[in-house]
C-alpha atoms as a PDB file:
ATOM      1  CA  UNK A   1      80.286 107.865  76.053  1.00  0.00           C
ATOM      2  CA  UNK A   2      81.771 111.152  76.129  1.00  0.00           C
ATOM      3  CA  UNK A   3      80.083 114.069  74.378  1.00  0.00           C
ATOM      4  CA  UNK A   4      81.608 116.910  72.558  1.00  0.00           C
ATOM      5  CA  UNK A   5      80.064 119.179  74.948  1.00  0.00           C
ATOM      6  CA  UNK A   6      81.633 117.534  77.899  1.00  0.00           C
ATOM      7  CA  UNK A   7      85.028 117.417  76.417  1.00  0.00           C
ATOM      8  CA  UNK A   8      84.911 121.356  75.763  1.00  0.00           C
ATOM      9  CA  UNK A   9      83.741 122.137  79.406  1.00  0.00           C
ATOM     10  CA  UNK A  10      86.477 119.671  80.596  1.00  0.00           C
ATOM     11  CA  UNK A  11      89.061 121.702  78.420  1.00  0.00           C
ATOM     12  CA  UNK A  12      87.558 124.792  78.938  1.00  0.00           C
ATOM     13  CA  UNK A  13      87.182 125.511  75.070  1.00  0.00           C
ATOM     14  CA  UNK A  14      84.656 127.752  74.327  1.00  0.00           C
ATOM     15  CA  UNK A  15      84.917 128.049  70.649  1.00  0.00           C
ATOM     16  CA  UNK A  16      83.789 125.933  67.762  1.00  0.00           C
ATOM     17  CA  UNK A  17      86.892 126.148  65.278  1.00  0.00           C
ATOM     18  CA  UNK A  18      88.649 122.926  66.719  1.00  0.00           C
ATOM     19  CA  UNK A  19      85.516 120.667  66.983  1.00  0.00           C
ATOM     20  CA  UNK A  20      86.749 118.339  64.482  1.00  0.00           C
ATOM     21  CA  UNK A  21      90.114 117.807  66.141  1.00  0.00           C
ATOM     22  CA  UNK A  22      88.328 117.397  69.477  1.00  0.00           C
ATOM     23  CA  UNK A  23      86.174 114.545  68.199  1.00  0.00           C
ATOM     24  CA  UNK A  24      89.188 112.884  66.360  1.00  0.00           C
ATOM     25  CA  UNK A  25      91.041 112.919  69.685  1.00  0.00           C
ATOM     26  CA  UNK A  26      87.819 111.681  71.537  1.00  0.00           C
ATOM     27  CA  UNK A  27      87.639 108.500  69.364  1.00  0.00           C
ATOM     28  CA  UNK A  28      91.557 108.113  69.516  1.00  0.00           C
ATOM     29  CA  UNK A  29      91.362 108.249  73.466  1.00  0.00           C
ATOM     30  CA  UNK A  30      88.285 106.176  73.534  1.00  0.00           C
ATOM     31  CA  UNK A  31      89.789 103.313  71.380  1.00  0.00           C
ATOM     32  CA  UNK A  32      93.069 103.528  73.332  1.00  0.00           C
ATOM     33  CA  UNK A  33      91.249 103.191  76.788  1.00  0.00           C
ATOM     34  CA  UNK A  34      89.029  99.917  75.421  1.00  0.00           C
ATOM     35  CA  UNK A  35      92.004  98.424  74.093  1.00  0.00           C
ATOM     36  CA  UNK A  36      93.741  98.886  77.574  1.00  0.00           C
ATOM     37  CA  UNK A  37      90.475  97.606  79.253  1.00  0.00           C
ATOM     38  CA  UNK A  38      90.390  94.768  76.691  1.00  0.00           C
ATOM     39  CA  UNK A  39      86.396  95.206  76.776  1.00  0.00           C
ATOM     40  CA  UNK A  40      83.710  97.921  76.054  1.00  0.00           C
ATOM     41  CA  UNK A  41      82.463  99.868  78.970  1.00  0.00           C
ATOM     42  CA  UNK A  42      80.308 102.763  80.021  1.00  0.00           C
ATOM     43  CA  UNK A  43      81.707 103.320  83.702  1.00  0.00           C
ATOM     44  CA  UNK A  44      82.698 106.295  85.238  1.00  0.00           C
ATOM     45  CA  UNK A  45      86.441 105.254  85.514  1.00  0.00           C
ATOM     46  CA  UNK A  46      86.436 104.724  81.581  1.00  0.00           C
ATOM     47  CA  UNK A  47      84.698 108.274  80.943  1.00  0.00           C
ATOM     48  CA  UNK A  48      87.359 109.998  83.275  1.00  0.00           C
ATOM     49  CA  UNK A  49      90.302 108.207  81.441  1.00  0.00           C
ATOM     50  CA  UNK A  50      88.850 109.130  78.135  1.00  0.00           C
ATOM     51  CA  UNK A  51      88.495 112.720  79.336  1.00  0.00           C
ATOM     52  CA  UNK A  52      92.229 112.682  80.549  1.00  0.00           C
ATOM     53  CA  UNK A  53      93.293 111.078  77.320  1.00  0.00           C
ATOM     54  CA  UNK A  54      91.570 113.652  75.230  1.00  0.00           C
ATOM     55  CA  UNK A  55      93.209 116.520  77.426  1.00  0.00           C
ATOM     56  CA  UNK A  56      96.710 114.918  77.146  1.00  0.00           C
ATOM     57  CA  UNK A  57      96.340 114.612  73.514  1.00  0.00           C
ATOM     58  CA  UNK A  58      94.982 118.002  73.037  1.00  0.00           C
ATOM     59  CA  UNK A  59      97.512 119.803  75.246  1.00  0.00           C
ATOM     60  CA  UNK A  60     100.537 117.854  74.159  1.00  0.00           C
ATOM     61  CA  UNK A  61      99.657 117.805  70.200  1.00  0.00           C
ATOM     62  CA  UNK A  62     102.888 118.827  69.194  1.00  0.00           C
ATOM     63  CA  UNK A  63     105.138 116.961  71.692  1.00  0.00           C
ATOM     64  CA  UNK A  64     102.879 114.079  73.016  1.00  0.00           C
ATOM     65  CA  UNK A  65     104.583 111.281  74.878  1.00  0.00           C
ATOM     66  CA  UNK A  66     102.388 108.292  74.034  1.00  0.00           C
ATOM     67  CA  UNK A  67     103.999 105.960  76.260  1.00  0.00           C
ATOM     68  CA  UNK A  68     103.660 108.216  79.415  1.00  0.00           C
ATOM     69  CA  UNK A  69      99.893 108.692  78.272  1.00  0.00           C
ATOM     70  CA  UNK A  70      99.124 104.816  77.805  1.00  0.00           C
ATOM     71  CA  UNK A  71     101.037 104.128  81.040  1.00  0.00           C
ATOM     72  CA  UNK A  72      98.730 106.666  82.797  1.00  0.00           C
ATOM     73  CA  UNK A  73      95.671 105.396  81.387  1.00  0.00           C
ATOM     74  CA  UNK A  74      96.659 101.927  82.251  1.00  0.00           C
ATOM     75  CA  UNK A  75      96.999 102.770  85.655  1.00  0.00           C
ATOM     76  CA  UNK A  76      93.574 104.540  85.903  1.00  0.00           C
ATOM     77  CA  UNK A  77      91.996 101.745  84.405  1.00  0.00           C
ATOM     78  CA  UNK A  78      93.653  98.701  85.723  1.00  0.00           C
ATOM     79  CA  UNK A  79      91.072  97.781  88.345  1.00  0.00           C
ATOM     80  CA  UNK A  80      88.454  97.450  85.421  1.00  0.00           C
ATOM     81  CA  UNK A  81      90.883  95.626  83.064  1.00  0.00           C
ATOM     82  CA  UNK A  82      89.758  92.510  81.676  1.00  0.00           C
ATOM     83  CA  UNK A  83      92.120  89.515  82.380  1.00  0.00           C
ATOM     84  CA  UNK A  84      92.955  87.588  79.183  1.00  0.00           C
ATOM     85  CA  UNK A  85      94.250  83.839  79.502  1.00  0.00           C
END
């Protein structure tokens, strides 16, 4: 969905020392976004949300407010969220 190169460009990271961390944050963000969507997707909205999630987790890794992150992602993804009855 989102490549390591895209994440590094989005974050303006030019070194390779944190590639493993970035890949872990990519996976966590992707899983969180798909859980909010309640479905798999490859839309541009999901891509944007994943990039936002990675950036948030990367920049706030010491003091991340996961509730705030989840609420923001929820609002980004609301239009594509699958209703479950």
